[in-house]
Amino acid sequence: MIENRDIEFDRYGDMSFIGNDISFIFTDIDYLYQNTIDRLITNFNDYYLYRNLGANLSSFIGGKVNSDTENKIIRNITHSLTDDGLIPIELLDVVTLIDGNSILVKIQVGGDGHGISELFTVNSIFNTSSGLLYVTN
């Protein structure tokens, strides 16, 4: 932790107040981790200038939980993270599992190459009646 700062943001978007200044501390991995979560929770038209940014998972609310929905969710997540080059496709792994009325989602990013040396995981639960319920590492 850096001394003489008021606010420090970690890779999870949490902040702490210390010292007398404001400090935003992000490593490349922290930036990538936070952007992965942002893309996962973002729906189309959430951003005025980037109308198609995000996984648009809310479009599946009200639908059936089945393998077709599961595959569409994988495609949406993969597209939202790779289409503009945020994450190279070969460093992304999206795995899902149907669990009752929910779809468990595990996103793993990293490996050797393309400047991503650290491996990180984002886990979430999607429910077709409530949407994205839980996002964590």
Protein backbone atom coordinates (compact mmCIF):
# COMPACT_ATOMS: atom_id res chain seq x y z
CA MET A 1 0.00 0.00 0.00
CA ILE A 2 1.28 3.47 -0.86
CA GLU A 3 1.59 5.92 2.00
CA ASN A 4 0.04 9.43 2.03
CA ARG A 5 -3.04 8.62 -0.05
CA ASP A 6 -6.76 9.04 0.69
CA ILE A 7 -8.37 6.44 -1.56
CA GLU A 8 -6.93 3.30 -3.05
CA PHE A 9 -8.85 1.03 -5.43
CA ASP A 10 -7.86 -2.60 -5.63
CA ARG A 11 -8.51 -5.07 -8.46
CA TYR A 12 -12.03 -5.73 -7.18
CA GLY A 13 -13.07 -2.08 -7.33
CA ASP A 14 -12.99 -1.74 -3.55
CA MET A 15 -11.47 1.37 -2.06
CA SER A 16 -9.76 2.32 1.15
CA PHE A 17 -9.03 5.75 2.58
CA ILE A 18 -5.48 6.48 3.73
CA GLY A 19 -3.26 9.53 4.14
CA ASN A 20 -4.05 12.85 2.45
CA ASP A 21 -4.30 12.22 -1.31
CA ILE A 22 -6.38 10.25 -3.80
CA SER A 23 -4.68 7.37 -5.53
CA PHE A 24 -6.05 5.04 -8.20
CA ILE A 25 -3.80 2.03 -8.37
CA PHE A 26 -4.30 -0.44 -11.16
CA THR A 27 -1.92 -2.93 -12.64
CA ASP A 28 -2.65 -4.26 -16.12
CA ILE A 29 -4.18 -7.36 -14.52
CA ASP A 30 -6.36 -5.24 -12.21
CA TYR A 31 -7.57 -3.26 -15.23
CA LEU A 32 -8.33 -6.43 -17.18
CA TYR A 33 -10.08 -8.05 -14.20
CA GLN A 34 -12.34 -5.04 -13.62
CA ASN A 35 -13.12 -4.72 -17.33
CA THR A 36 -14.02 -8.41 -17.49
CA ILE A 37 -16.56 -7.90 -14.70
CA ASP A 38 -17.86 -4.70 -16.30
CA ARG A 39 -18.41 -6.46 -19.62
CA LEU A 40 -20.15 -9.36 -17.87
CA ILE A 41 -22.65 -7.10 -16.07
CA THR A 42 -23.14 -4.59 -18.93
CA ASN A 43 -26.14 -4.80 -21.26
CA PHE A 44 -26.58 -3.33 -24.71
CA ASN A 45 -27.32 0.41 -24.65
CA ASP A 46 -25.85 0.86 -21.15
CA TYR A 47 -23.10 3.05 -22.66
CA TYR A 48 -24.17 5.83 -24.99
CA LEU A 49 -21.04 5.71 -27.17
CA TYR A 50 -20.67 1.92 -27.09
CA ARG A 51 -24.21 0.63 -27.52
CA ASN A 52 -23.21 -3.01 -28.15
CA LEU A 53 -20.63 -3.27 -25.38
CA GLY A 54 -21.22 -6.00 -22.83
CA ALA A 55 -22.54 -9.55 -22.61
CA ASN A 56 -26.18 -8.38 -22.63
CA LEU A 57 -27.20 -11.19 -20.28
CA SER A 58 -30.44 -9.45 -19.33
CA SER A 59 -31.77 -10.48 -22.75
CA PHE A 60 -32.05 -14.02 -21.35
CA ILE A 61 -34.33 -13.05 -18.46
CA GLY A 62 -37.67 -14.75 -18.90
CA GLY A 63 -36.26 -17.51 -21.07
CA LYS A 64 -35.86 -21.20 -20.35
CA VAL A 65 -32.79 -22.66 -18.70
CA ASN A 66 -31.55 -25.19 -21.23
CA SER A 67 -28.48 -26.02 -23.29
CA ASP A 68 -29.49 -23.54 -26.01
CA THR A 69 -29.59 -20.66 -23.51
CA GLU A 70 -26.36 -21.91 -21.95
CA ASN A 71 -24.59 -21.86 -25.35
CA LYS A 72 -25.94 -18.39 -26.18
CA ILE A 73 -24.64 -17.07 -22.85
CA ILE A 74 -21.19 -18.51 -23.59
CA ARG A 75 -21.24 -16.86 -27.05
CA ASN A 76 -22.35 -13.49 -25.65
CA ILE A 77 -19.68 -13.50 -22.94
CA THR A 78 -16.96 -14.61 -25.35
CA HIS A 79 -17.95 -11.97 -27.90
CA SER A 80 -18.08 -9.19 -25.30
CA LEU A 81 -14.54 -9.97 -24.11
CA THR A 82 -12.83 -10.69 -27.42
CA ASP A 83 -14.56 -8.73 -30.19
CA ASP A 84 -12.62 -5.50 -29.65
CA GLY A 85 -9.39 -7.24 -28.64
CA LEU A 86 -9.70 -6.79 -24.87
CA ILE A 87 -8.78 -10.44 -24.36
CA PRO A 88 -7.24 -12.71 -27.01
CA ILE A 89 -9.57 -15.66 -27.64
CA GLU A 90 -6.80 -18.17 -26.92
CA LEU A 91 -6.43 -16.78 -23.38
CA LEU A 92 -10.15 -17.00 -22.56
CA ASP A 93 -12.07 -19.97 -21.24
CA VAL A 94 -15.80 -19.73 -20.46
CA VAL A 95 -17.38 -22.74 -18.77
CA THR A 96 -21.01 -23.08 -17.71
CA LEU A 97 -23.10 -25.58 -15.79
CA ILE A 98 -26.88 -25.74 -15.52
CA ASP A 99 -27.97 -26.00 -11.89
CA GLY A 100 -31.76 -26.08 -11.56
CA ASN A 101 -33.08 -22.67 -12.66
CA SER A 102 -29.60 -21.14 -12.76
CA ILE A 103 -26.57 -21.26 -15.00
CA LEU A 104 -23.23 -21.21 -13.20
CA VAL A 105 -20.57 -19.35 -15.19
CA LYS A 106 -16.80 -19.55 -14.78
CA ILE A 107 -14.60 -17.20 -16.81
CA GLN A 108 -10.88 -17.84 -16.74
CA VAL A 109 -8.43 -15.42 -18.32
CA GLY A 110 -4.69 -15.65 -18.71
CA GLY A 111 -1.81 -17.87 -19.54
CA ASP A 112 1.44 -17.32 -21.34
CA GLY A 113 1.62 -14.74 -24.08
CA HIS A 114 -0.04 -11.49 -25.11
CA GLY A 115 1.23 -9.75 -21.96
CA ILE A 116 -1.15 -11.57 -19.61
CA SER A 117 1.11 -13.45 -17.23
CA GLU A 118 -1.32 -13.93 -14.36
CA LEU A 119 -4.32 -16.25 -14.45
CA PHE A 120 -7.56 -14.99 -12.92
CA THR A 121 -11.09 -16.34 -12.60
CA VAL A 122 -14.49 -14.67 -12.42
CA ASN A 123 -17.39 -16.79 -11.16
CA SER A 124 -21.04 -15.84 -11.47
CA ILE A 125 -24.55 -17.20 -11.29
CA PHE A 126 -27.19 -16.30 -13.86
CA ASN A 127 -30.88 -16.95 -13.24
CA THR A 128 -33.48 -16.44 -15.98
CA SER A 129 -35.94 -14.95 -13.50
CA SER A 130 -33.56 -12.48 -11.81
CA GLY A 131 -30.57 -12.06 -14.09
CA LEU A 132 -26.97 -12.03 -12.94
CA LEU A 133 -27.04 -12.76 -9.23
CA TYR A 134 -23.45 -13.06 -8.15
CA VAL A 135 -20.03 -12.10 -9.46
CA THR A 136 -16.81 -12.88 -7.63
CA ASN A 137 -13.31 -14.25 -8.08
